[in-house]
Amino acid sequence: MSKQQLDRFKEAARELGADDDEAKFNEKLGKLVKQKPDAKKDN
């Protein structure tokens, strides 16, 4: 990850209020990112 990309990521985390608390970060991230379904479970 480049320094510029890392800086943008940190700024986005600050804007979401999730940069200081790992639990808050994971909660916010979970709302933004959809997990792919596990293909093995569908079989």
PDB file of N, CA and C in Angstrom:
ATOM      1  N   MET A   1       0.865  -1.172   0.000  1.00  0.00           N
ATOM      2  CA  MET A   1       0.000   0.000   0.000  1.00  0.00           C
ATOM      3  C   MET A   1       0.908   1.230   0.000  1.00  0.00           C
ATOM      4  N   SER A   2       0.644   2.131  -0.896  1.00  0.00           N
ATOM      5  CA  SER A   2       1.448   3.347  -0.971  1.00  0.00           C
ATOM      6  C   SER A   2       1.101   4.292   0.188  1.00  0.00           C
ATOM      7  N   LYS A   3       2.027   5.192   0.506  1.00  0.00           N
ATOM      8  CA  LYS A   3       1.800   6.152   1.598  1.00  0.00           C
ATOM      9  C   LYS A   3       0.570   7.011   1.310  1.00  0.00           C
ATOM     10  N   GLN A   4       0.414   7.433   0.071  1.00  0.00           N
ATOM     11  CA  GLN A   4      -0.737   8.267  -0.285  1.00  0.00           C
ATOM     12  C   GLN A   4      -2.044   7.494  -0.067  1.00  0.00           C
ATOM     13  N   GLN A   5      -2.070   6.225  -0.469  1.00  0.00           N
ATOM     14  CA  GLN A   5      -3.270   5.413  -0.288  1.00  0.00           C
ATOM     15  C   GLN A   5      -3.547   5.194   1.199  1.00  0.00           C
ATOM     16  N   LEU A   6      -2.494   4.948   1.970  1.00  0.00           N
ATOM     17  CA  LEU A   6      -2.642   4.764   3.410  1.00  0.00           C
ATOM     18  C   LEU A   6      -3.199   6.029   4.063  1.00  0.00           C
ATOM     19  N   ASP A   7      -2.699   7.185   3.649  1.00  0.00           N
ATOM     20  CA  ASP A   7      -3.198   8.454   4.187  1.00  0.00           C
ATOM     21  C   ASP A   7      -4.682   8.646   3.873  1.00  0.00           C
ATOM     22  N   ARG A   8      -5.107   8.290   2.670  1.00  0.00           N
ATOM     23  CA  ARG A   8      -6.525   8.404   2.302  1.00  0.00           C
ATOM     24  C   ARG A   8      -7.381   7.450   3.140  1.00  0.00           C
ATOM     25  N   PHE A   9      -6.860   6.254   3.367  1.00  0.00           N
ATOM     26  CA  PHE A   9      -7.581   5.283   4.180  1.00  0.00           C
ATOM     27  C   PHE A   9      -7.744   5.796   5.609  1.00  0.00           C
ATOM     28  N   LYS A  10      -6.675   6.327   6.187  1.00  0.00           N
ATOM     29  CA  LYS A  10      -6.739   6.853   7.550  1.00  0.00           C
ATOM     30  C   LYS A  10      -7.715   8.015   7.643  1.00  0.00           C
ATOM     31  N   GLU A  11      -7.710   8.876   6.644  1.00  0.00           N
ATOM     32  CA  GLU A  11      -8.638  10.019   6.641  1.00  0.00           C
ATOM     33  C   GLU A  11     -10.089   9.536   6.562  1.00  0.00           C
ATOM     34  N   ALA A  12     -10.351   8.539   5.719  1.00  0.00           N
ATOM     35  CA  ALA A  12     -11.706   7.993   5.615  1.00  0.00           C
ATOM     36  C   ALA A  12     -12.128   7.375   6.948  1.00  0.00           C
ATOM     37  N   ALA A  13     -11.217   6.688   7.619  1.00  0.00           N
ATOM     38  CA  ALA A  13     -11.527   6.098   8.925  1.00  0.00           C
ATOM     39  C   ALA A  13     -11.855   7.186   9.940  1.00  0.00           C
ATOM     40  N   ARG A  14     -11.109   8.266   9.916  1.00  0.00           N
ATOM     41  CA  ARG A  14     -11.389   9.381  10.843  1.00  0.00           C
ATOM     42  C   ARG A  14     -12.772   9.968  10.575  1.00  0.00           C
ATOM     43  N   GLU A  15     -13.111  10.132   9.303  1.00  0.00           N
ATOM     44  CA  GLU A  15     -14.418  10.697   8.949  1.00  0.00           C
ATOM     45  C   GLU A  15     -15.555   9.793   9.428  1.00  0.00           C
ATOM     46  N   LEU A  16     -15.320   8.480   9.449  1.00  0.00           N
ATOM     47  CA  LEU A  16     -16.334   7.545   9.918  1.00  0.00           C
ATOM     48  C   LEU A  16     -16.342   7.433  11.440  1.00  0.00           C
ATOM     49  N   GLY A  17     -15.352   8.050  12.080  1.00  0.00           N
ATOM     50  CA  GLY A  17     -15.256   7.973  13.528  1.00  0.00           C
ATOM     51  C   GLY A  17     -14.813   6.611  14.011  1.00  0.00           C
ATOM     52  N   ALA A  18     -14.058   5.903  13.187  1.00  0.00           N
ATOM     53  CA  ALA A  18     -13.698   4.525  13.519  1.00  0.00           C
ATOM     54  C   ALA A  18     -12.195   4.289  13.568  1.00  0.00           C
ATOM     55  N   ASP A  19     -11.403   5.339  13.687  1.00  0.00           N
ATOM     56  CA  ASP A  19      -9.956   5.134  13.613  1.00  0.00           C
ATOM     57  C   ASP A  19      -9.318   4.803  14.954  1.00  0.00           C
ATOM     58  N   ASP A  20      -9.943   5.119  16.074  1.00  0.00           N
ATOM     59  CA  ASP A  20      -9.313   4.911  17.376  1.00  0.00           C
ATOM     60  C   ASP A  20      -9.764   3.627  18.065  1.00  0.00           C
ATOM     61  N   ASP A  21     -10.907   3.134  17.735  1.00  0.00           N
ATOM     62  CA  ASP A  21     -11.480   1.984  18.417  1.00  0.00           C
ATOM     63  C   ASP A  21     -11.647   0.836  17.419  1.00  0.00           C
ATOM     64  N   GLU A  22     -10.924  -0.261  17.643  1.00  0.00           N
ATOM     65  CA  GLU A  22     -10.960  -1.373  16.695  1.00  0.00           C
ATOM     66  C   GLU A  22     -12.365  -1.952  16.556  1.00  0.00           C
ATOM     67  N   ALA A  23     -13.099  -2.054  17.636  1.00  0.00           N
ATOM     68  CA  ALA A  23     -14.458  -2.599  17.574  1.00  0.00           C
ATOM     69  C   ALA A  23     -15.358  -1.711  16.720  1.00  0.00           C
ATOM     70  N   LYS A  24     -15.256  -0.394  16.907  1.00  0.00           N
ATOM     71  CA  LYS A  24     -16.049   0.537  16.083  1.00  0.00           C
ATOM     72  C   LYS A  24     -15.660   0.415  14.621  1.00  0.00           C
ATOM     73  N   PHE A  25     -14.343   0.312  14.373  1.00  0.00           N
ATOM     74  CA  PHE A  25     -13.861   0.187  13.006  1.00  0.00           C
ATOM     75  C   PHE A  25     -14.458  -1.053  12.353  1.00  0.00           C
ATOM     76  N   ASN A  26     -14.402  -2.178  13.043  1.00  0.00           N
ATOM     77  CA  ASN A  26     -14.919  -3.425  12.471  1.00  0.00           C
ATOM     78  C   ASN A  26     -16.417  -3.353  12.238  1.00  0.00           C
ATOM     79  N   GLU A  27     -17.134  -2.676  13.131  1.00  0.00           N
ATOM     80  CA  GLU A  27     -18.572  -2.509  12.968  1.00  0.00           C
ATOM     81  C   GLU A  27     -18.884  -1.681  11.716  1.00  0.00           C
ATOM     82  N   LYS A  28     -18.183  -0.555  11.573  1.00  0.00           N
ATOM     83  CA  LYS A  28     -18.398   0.308  10.404  1.00  0.00           C
ATOM     84  C   LYS A  28     -17.985  -0.410   9.121  1.00  0.00           C
ATOM     85  N   LEU A  29     -16.865  -1.116   9.179  1.00  0.00           N
ATOM     86  CA  LEU A  29     -16.385  -1.829   7.998  1.00  0.00           C
ATOM     87  C   LEU A  29     -17.380  -2.901   7.581  1.00  0.00           C
ATOM     88  N   GLY A  30     -17.950  -3.584   8.550  1.00  0.00           N
ATOM     89  CA  GLY A  30     -18.937  -4.618   8.259  1.00  0.00           C
ATOM     90  C   GLY A  30     -20.163  -4.071   7.548  1.00  0.00           C
ATOM     91  N   LYS A  31     -20.502  -2.828   7.833  1.00  0.00           N
ATOM     92  CA  LYS A  31     -21.645  -2.204   7.160  1.00  0.00           C
ATOM     93  C   LYS A  31     -21.310  -1.811   5.731  1.00  0.00           C
ATOM     94  N   LEU A  32     -20.028  -1.560   5.464  1.00  0.00           N
ATOM     95  CA  LEU A  32     -19.616  -1.111   4.135  1.00  0.00           C
ATOM     96  C   LEU A  32     -19.279  -2.253   3.192  1.00  0.00           C
ATOM     97  N   VAL A  33     -18.782  -3.341   3.745  1.00  0.00           N
ATOM     98  CA  VAL A  33     -18.263  -4.437   2.933  1.00  0.00           C
ATOM     99  C   VAL A  33     -19.181  -5.640   3.044  1.00  0.00           C
ATOM    100  N   LYS A  34     -19.567  -6.160   1.922  1.00  0.00           N
ATOM    101  CA  LYS A  34     -20.382  -7.370   1.899  1.00  0.00           C
ATOM    102  C   LYS A  34     -19.462  -8.567   1.750  1.00  0.00           C
ATOM    103  N   GLN A  35     -19.690  -9.589   2.562  1.00  0.00           N
ATOM    104  CA  GLN A  35     -18.874 -10.796   2.492  1.00  0.00           C
ATOM    105  C   GLN A  35     -19.391 -11.682   1.361  1.00  0.00           C
ATOM    106  N   LYS A  36     -18.443 -12.267   0.603  1.00  0.00           N
ATOM    107  CA  LYS A  36     -18.832 -13.183  -0.459  1.00  0.00           C
ATOM    108  C   LYS A  36     -19.399 -14.453   0.167  1.00  0.00           C
ATOM    109  N   PRO A  37     -20.428 -15.018  -0.447  1.00  0.00           N
ATOM    110  CA  PRO A  37     -20.956 -16.287   0.079  1.00  0.00           C
ATOM    111  C   PRO A  37     -19.921 -17.396  -0.092  1.00  0.00           C
ATOM    112  N   ASP A  38     -19.897 -18.304   0.839  1.00  0.00           N
ATOM    113  CA  ASP A  38     -18.971 -19.427   0.794  1.00  0.00           C
ATOM    114  C   ASP A  38     -19.525 -20.486  -0.155  1.00  0.00           C
ATOM    115  N   ALA A  39     -18.859 -20.707  -1.274  1.00  0.00           N
ATOM    116  CA  ALA A  39     -19.321 -21.651  -2.282  1.00  0.00           C
ATOM    117  C   ALA A  39     -19.393 -23.066  -1.716  1.00  0.00           C
ATOM    118  N   LYS A  40     -18.541 -23.406  -0.776  1.00  0.00           N
ATOM    119  CA  LYS A  40     -18.516 -24.742  -0.195  1.00  0.00           C
ATOM    120  C   LYS A  40     -19.794 -25.032   0.609  1.00  0.00           C
ATOM    121  N   LYS A  41     -20.364 -24.007   1.223  1.00  0.00           N
ATOM    122  CA  LYS A  41     -21.576 -24.194   2.024  1.00  0.00           C
ATOM    123  C   LYS A  41     -22.792 -24.442   1.155  1.00  0.00           C
ATOM    124  N   ASP A  42     -22.767 -24.018  -0.093  1.00  0.00           N
ATOM    125  CA  ASP A  42     -23.912 -24.170  -0.990  1.00  0.00           C
ATOM    126  C   ASP A  42     -24.022 -25.578  -1.539  1.00  0.00           C
ATOM    127  N   ASN A  43     -23.003 -26.354  -1.452  1.00  0.00           N
ATOM    128  CA  ASN A  43     -23.005 -27.711  -2.020  1.00  0.00           C
ATOM    129  C   ASN A  43     -23.649 -28.709  -1.129  1.00  0.00           C
TER     130      ASN A  43
END
